[in-house]
Amino acid sequence: MKTFTAVVERCSGTDLFVGYVPGFAGAHSQGRSLDELNRNLQEVIEMLLDDGPTLG
């Protein structure tokens, strides 16, 4: 199991937690709680890893 580190902030305008994984293009999400954000980021990372590298 690979571990990723996310940068997390709270948006003052929406009160949502937003997070991204530095150096991992497309690995970003948001959630109403830290638990929801963590689940969302895990899902995004799994999808990105399943898709493999993209050209661009």
PDB file of N, CA and C in Angstrom:
ATOM      1  N   MET A   1       0.848  -1.175   0.000  1.00  0.00           N
ATOM      2  CA  MET A   1       0.000   0.000   0.000  1.00  0.00           C
ATOM      3  C   MET A   1       0.895   1.240   0.000  1.00  0.00           C
ATOM      4  N   LYS A   2       0.673   2.106  -0.969  1.00  0.00           N
ATOM      5  CA  LYS A   2       1.457   3.329  -1.081  1.00  0.00           C
ATOM      6  C   LYS A   2       0.791   4.434  -0.262  1.00  0.00           C
ATOM      7  N   THR A   3       1.602   5.277   0.335  1.00  0.00           N
ATOM      8  CA  THR A   3       1.103   6.391   1.139  1.00  0.00           C
ATOM      9  C   THR A   3       1.366   7.699   0.415  1.00  0.00           C
ATOM     10  N   PHE A   4       0.354   8.568   0.403  1.00  0.00           N
ATOM     11  CA  PHE A   4       0.480   9.891  -0.195  1.00  0.00           C
ATOM     12  C   PHE A   4       0.208  10.928   0.878  1.00  0.00           C
ATOM     13  N   THR A   5       0.836  12.074   0.739  1.00  0.00           N
ATOM     14  CA  THR A   5       0.619  13.178   1.665  1.00  0.00           C
ATOM     15  C   THR A   5      -0.177  14.266   0.961  1.00  0.00           C
ATOM     16  N   ALA A   6      -1.230  14.726   1.609  1.00  0.00           N
ATOM     17  CA  ALA A   6      -2.078  15.759   1.025  1.00  0.00           C
ATOM     18  C   ALA A   6      -1.934  17.062   1.801  1.00  0.00           C
ATOM     19  N   VAL A   7      -2.072  18.154   1.087  1.00  0.00           N
ATOM     20  CA  VAL A   7      -2.150  19.481   1.685  1.00  0.00           C
ATOM     21  C   VAL A   7      -3.637  19.791   1.833  1.00  0.00           C
ATOM     22  N   VAL A   8      -4.043  20.169   3.036  1.00  0.00           N
ATOM     23  CA  VAL A   8      -5.463  20.390   3.320  1.00  0.00           C
ATOM     24  C   VAL A   8      -5.663  21.798   3.863  1.00  0.00           C
ATOM     25  N   GLU A   9      -6.689  22.456   3.357  1.00  0.00           N
ATOM     26  CA  GLU A   9      -7.066  23.788   3.834  1.00  0.00           C
ATOM     27  C   GLU A   9      -8.580  23.818   3.989  1.00  0.00           C
ATOM     28  N   ARG A  10      -9.062  24.780   4.725  1.00  0.00           N
ATOM     29  CA  ARG A  10     -10.500  24.986   4.850  1.00  0.00           C
ATOM     30  C   ARG A  10     -10.849  26.270   4.105  1.00  0.00           C
ATOM     31  N   CYS A  11     -11.799  26.163   3.178  1.00  0.00           N
ATOM     32  CA  CYS A  11     -12.227  27.310   2.387  1.00  0.00           C
ATOM     33  C   CYS A  11     -13.161  28.168   3.232  1.00  0.00           C
ATOM     34  N   SER A  12     -12.795  29.417   3.446  1.00  0.00           N
ATOM     35  CA  SER A  12     -13.623  30.295   4.281  1.00  0.00           C
ATOM     36  C   SER A  12     -14.938  30.658   3.595  1.00  0.00           C
ATOM     37  N   GLY A  13     -14.971  30.615   2.273  1.00  0.00           N
ATOM     38  CA  GLY A  13     -16.186  30.961   1.546  1.00  0.00           C
ATOM     39  C   GLY A  13     -17.249  29.877   1.570  1.00  0.00           C
ATOM     40  N   THR A  14     -16.801  28.615   1.531  1.00  0.00           N
ATOM     41  CA  THR A  14     -17.743  27.485   1.484  1.00  0.00           C
ATOM     42  C   THR A  14     -17.734  26.652   2.758  1.00  0.00           C
ATOM     43  N   ASP A  15     -16.732  26.840   3.597  1.00  0.00           N
ATOM     44  CA  ASP A  15     -16.531  26.061   4.825  1.00  0.00           C
ATOM     45  C   ASP A  15     -16.229  24.588   4.533  1.00  0.00           C
ATOM     46  N   LEU A  16     -15.808  24.294   3.295  1.00  0.00           N
ATOM     47  CA  LEU A  16     -15.417  22.938   2.930  1.00  0.00           C
ATOM     48  C   LEU A  16     -13.926  22.746   3.135  1.00  0.00           C
ATOM     49  N   PHE A  17     -13.527  21.517   3.408  1.00  0.00           N
ATOM     50  CA  PHE A  17     -12.116  21.160   3.420  1.00  0.00           C
ATOM     51  C   PHE A  17     -11.730  20.848   1.978  1.00  0.00           C
ATOM     52  N   VAL A  18     -10.619  21.401   1.528  1.00  0.00           N
ATOM     53  CA  VAL A  18     -10.108  21.127   0.190  1.00  0.00           C
ATOM     54  C   VAL A  18      -8.699  20.574   0.333  1.00  0.00           C
ATOM     55  N   GLY A  19      -8.356  19.626  -0.521  1.00  0.00           N
ATOM     56  CA  GLY A  19      -7.040  19.018  -0.419  1.00  0.00           C
ATOM     57  C   GLY A  19      -6.507  18.602  -1.768  1.00  0.00           C
ATOM     58  N   TYR A  20      -5.176  18.533  -1.848  1.00  0.00           N
ATOM     59  CA  TYR A  20      -4.518  18.069  -3.056  1.00  0.00           C
ATOM     60  C   TYR A  20      -3.223  17.363  -2.668  1.00  0.00           C
ATOM     61  N   VAL A  21      -2.745  16.516  -3.577  1.00  0.00           N
ATOM     62  CA  VAL A  21      -1.490  15.812  -3.375  1.00  0.00           C
ATOM     63  C   VAL A  21      -0.442  16.485  -4.254  1.00  0.00           C
ATOM     64  N   PRO A  22       0.531  17.169  -3.649  1.00  0.00           N
ATOM     65  CA  PRO A  22       1.568  17.851  -4.432  1.00  0.00           C
ATOM     66  C   PRO A  22       2.305  16.881  -5.357  1.00  0.00           C
ATOM     67  N   GLY A  23       2.503  17.302  -6.601  1.00  0.00           N
ATOM     68  CA  GLY A  23       3.231  16.482  -7.558  1.00  0.00           C
ATOM     69  C   GLY A  23       2.408  15.386  -8.199  1.00  0.00           C
ATOM     70  N   PHE A  24       1.132  15.303  -7.902  1.00  0.00           N
ATOM     71  CA  PHE A  24       0.262  14.265  -8.451  1.00  0.00           C
ATOM     72  C   PHE A  24      -0.874  14.975  -9.183  1.00  0.00           C
ATOM     73  N   ALA A  25      -0.671  15.221 -10.474  1.00  0.00           N
ATOM     74  CA  ALA A  25      -1.637  15.976 -11.272  1.00  0.00           C
ATOM     75  C   ALA A  25      -3.029  15.349 -11.203  1.00  0.00           C
ATOM     76  N   GLY A  26      -4.009  16.175 -10.900  1.00  0.00           N
ATOM     77  CA  GLY A  26      -5.397  15.723 -10.848  1.00  0.00           C
ATOM     78  C   GLY A  26      -5.836  15.187  -9.506  1.00  0.00           C
ATOM     79  N   ALA A  27      -4.907  15.038  -8.560  1.00  0.00           N
ATOM     80  CA  ALA A  27      -5.248  14.483  -7.250  1.00  0.00           C
ATOM     81  C   ALA A  27      -5.677  15.607  -6.318  1.00  0.00           C
ATOM     82  N   HIS A  28      -6.944  16.000  -6.439  1.00  0.00           N
ATOM     83  CA  HIS A  28      -7.501  17.035  -5.576  1.00  0.00           C
ATOM     84  C   HIS A  28      -8.982  16.755  -5.377  1.00  0.00           C
ATOM     85  N   SER A  29      -9.512  17.202  -4.244  1.00  0.00           N
ATOM     86  CA  SER A  29     -10.926  16.990  -3.938  1.00  0.00           C
ATOM     87  C   SER A  29     -11.339  17.912  -2.808  1.00  0.00           C
ATOM     88  N   GLN A  30     -12.577  17.737  -2.370  1.00  0.00           N
ATOM     89  CA  GLN A  30     -13.106  18.520  -1.251  1.00  0.00           C
ATOM     90  C   GLN A  30     -14.089  17.665  -0.469  1.00  0.00           C
ATOM     91  N   GLY A  31     -14.432  18.119   0.746  1.00  0.00           N
ATOM     92  CA  GLY A  31     -15.393  17.410   1.574  1.00  0.00           C
ATOM     93  C   GLY A  31     -15.874  18.271   2.716  1.00  0.00           C
ATOM     94  N   ARG A  32     -17.033  17.907   3.252  1.00  0.00           N
ATOM     95  CA  ARG A  32     -17.604  18.658   4.381  1.00  0.00           C
ATOM     96  C   ARG A  32     -16.871  18.384   5.689  1.00  0.00           C
ATOM     97  N   SER A  33     -16.207  17.224   5.753  1.00  0.00           N
ATOM     98  CA  SER A  33     -15.428  16.858   6.940  1.00  0.00           C
ATOM     99  C   SER A  33     -14.082  16.318   6.477  1.00  0.00           C
ATOM    100  N   LEU A  34     -13.140  16.194   7.405  1.00  0.00           N
ATOM    101  CA  LEU A  34     -11.838  15.625   7.053  1.00  0.00           C
ATOM    102  C   LEU A  34     -11.976  14.171   6.621  1.00  0.00           C
ATOM    103  N   ASP A  35     -12.887  13.439   7.264  1.00  0.00           N
ATOM    104  CA  ASP A  35     -13.118  12.047   6.874  1.00  0.00           C
ATOM    105  C   ASP A  35     -13.637  11.959   5.442  1.00  0.00           C
ATOM    106  N   GLU A  36     -14.591  12.828   5.099  1.00  0.00           N
ATOM    107  CA  GLU A  36     -15.135  12.824   3.741  1.00  0.00           C
ATOM    108  C   GLU A  36     -14.059  13.213   2.729  1.00  0.00           C
ATOM    109  N   LEU A  37     -13.258  14.222   3.054  1.00  0.00           N
ATOM    110  CA  LEU A  37     -12.171  14.627   2.168  1.00  0.00           C
ATOM    111  C   LEU A  37     -11.203  13.473   1.969  1.00  0.00           C
ATOM    112  N   ASN A  38     -10.829  12.789   3.025  1.00  0.00           N
ATOM    113  CA  ASN A  38      -9.903  11.666   2.932  1.00  0.00           C
ATOM    114  C   ASN A  38     -10.462  10.574   2.023  1.00  0.00           C
ATOM    115  N   ARG A  39     -11.730  10.221   2.197  1.00  0.00           N
ATOM    116  CA  ARG A  39     -12.358   9.209   1.337  1.00  0.00           C
ATOM    117  C   ARG A  39     -12.354   9.661  -0.125  1.00  0.00           C
ATOM    118  N   ASN A  40     -12.690  10.929  -0.354  1.00  0.00           N
ATOM    119  CA  ASN A  40     -12.731  11.453  -1.716  1.00  0.00           C
ATOM    120  C   ASN A  40     -11.348  11.442  -2.362  1.00  0.00           C
ATOM    121  N   LEU A  41     -10.329  11.841  -1.611  1.00  0.00           N
ATOM    122  CA  LEU A  41      -8.969  11.825  -2.147  1.00  0.00           C
ATOM    123  C   LEU A  41      -8.518  10.400  -2.454  1.00  0.00           C
ATOM    124  N   GLN A  42      -8.846   9.452  -1.582  1.00  0.00           N
ATOM    125  CA  GLN A  42      -8.492   8.054  -1.834  1.00  0.00           C
ATOM    126  C   GLN A  42      -9.124   7.561  -3.131  1.00  0.00           C
ATOM    127  N   GLU A  43     -10.381   7.913  -3.335  1.00  0.00           N
ATOM    128  CA  GLU A  43     -11.086   7.500  -4.545  1.00  0.00           C
ATOM    129  C   GLU A  43     -10.439   8.110  -5.794  1.00  0.00           C
ATOM    130  N   VAL A  44     -10.107   9.388  -5.730  1.00  0.00           N
ATOM    131  CA  VAL A  44      -9.483  10.061  -6.868  1.00  0.00           C
ATOM    132  C   VAL A  44      -8.134   9.421  -7.176  1.00  0.00           C
ATOM    133  N   ILE A  45      -7.333   9.172  -6.153  1.00  0.00           N
ATOM    134  CA  ILE A  45      -6.005   8.577  -6.358  1.00  0.00           C
ATOM    135  C   ILE A  45      -6.134   7.188  -6.965  1.00  0.00           C
ATOM    136  N   GLU A  46      -7.073   6.383  -6.477  1.00  0.00           N
ATOM    137  CA  GLU A  46      -7.277   5.044  -7.035  1.00  0.00           C
ATOM    138  C   GLU A  46      -7.641   5.126  -8.516  1.00  0.00           C
ATOM    139  N   MET A  47      -8.530   6.060  -8.874  1.00  0.00           N
ATOM    140  CA  MET A  47      -8.917   6.214 -10.283  1.00  0.00           C
ATOM    141  C   MET A  47      -7.725   6.646 -11.133  1.00  0.00           C
ATOM    142  N   LEU A  48      -6.938   7.583 -10.625  1.00  0.00           N
ATOM    143  CA  LEU A  48      -5.775   8.056 -11.382  1.00  0.00           C
ATOM    144  C   LEU A  48      -4.749   6.951 -11.568  1.00  0.00           C
ATOM    145  N   LEU A  49      -4.519   6.146 -10.539  1.00  0.00           N
ATOM    146  CA  LEU A  49      -3.564   5.043 -10.637  1.00  0.00           C
ATOM    147  C   LEU A  49      -4.070   3.962 -11.592  1.00  0.00           C
ATOM    148  N   ASP A  50      -5.375   3.693 -11.586  1.00  0.00           N
ATOM    149  CA  ASP A  50      -5.963   2.711 -12.499  1.00  0.00           C
ATOM    150  C   ASP A  50      -5.851   3.157 -13.947  1.00  0.00           C
ATOM    151  N   ASP A  51      -5.991   4.476 -14.188  1.00  0.00           N
ATOM    152  CA  ASP A  51      -5.912   5.004 -15.550  1.00  0.00           C
ATOM    153  C   ASP A  51      -4.500   5.000 -16.096  1.00  0.00           C
ATOM    154  N   GLY A  52      -3.517   5.018 -15.218  1.00  0.00           N
ATOM    155  CA  GLY A  52      -2.131   5.025 -15.646  1.00  0.00           C
ATOM    156  C   GLY A  52      -1.698   6.401 -16.119  1.00  0.00           C
ATOM    157  N   PRO A  53      -0.478   6.498 -16.608  1.00  0.00           N
ATOM    158  CA  PRO A  53       0.050   7.791 -17.048  1.00  0.00           C
ATOM    159  C   PRO A  53      -0.711   8.323 -18.261  1.00  0.00           C
ATOM    160  N   THR A  54      -0.854   9.632 -18.305  1.00  0.00           N
ATOM    161  CA  THR A  54      -1.513  10.266 -19.440  1.00  0.00           C
ATOM    162  C   THR A  54      -0.526  11.143 -20.182  1.00  0.00           C
ATOM    163  N   LEU A  55      -0.755  11.317 -21.442  1.00  0.00           N
ATOM    164  CA  LEU A  55       0.089  12.200 -22.242  1.00  0.00           C
ATOM    165  C   LEU A  55      -0.448  13.606 -22.161  1.00  0.00           C
ATOM    166  N   GLY A  56       0.392  14.560 -22.163  1.00  0.00           N
ATOM    167  CA  GLY A  56      -0.115  15.905 -22.154  1.00  0.00           C
ATOM    168  C   GLY A  56       0.862  16.847 -21.663  1.00  0.00           C
TER     169      GLY A  56
END
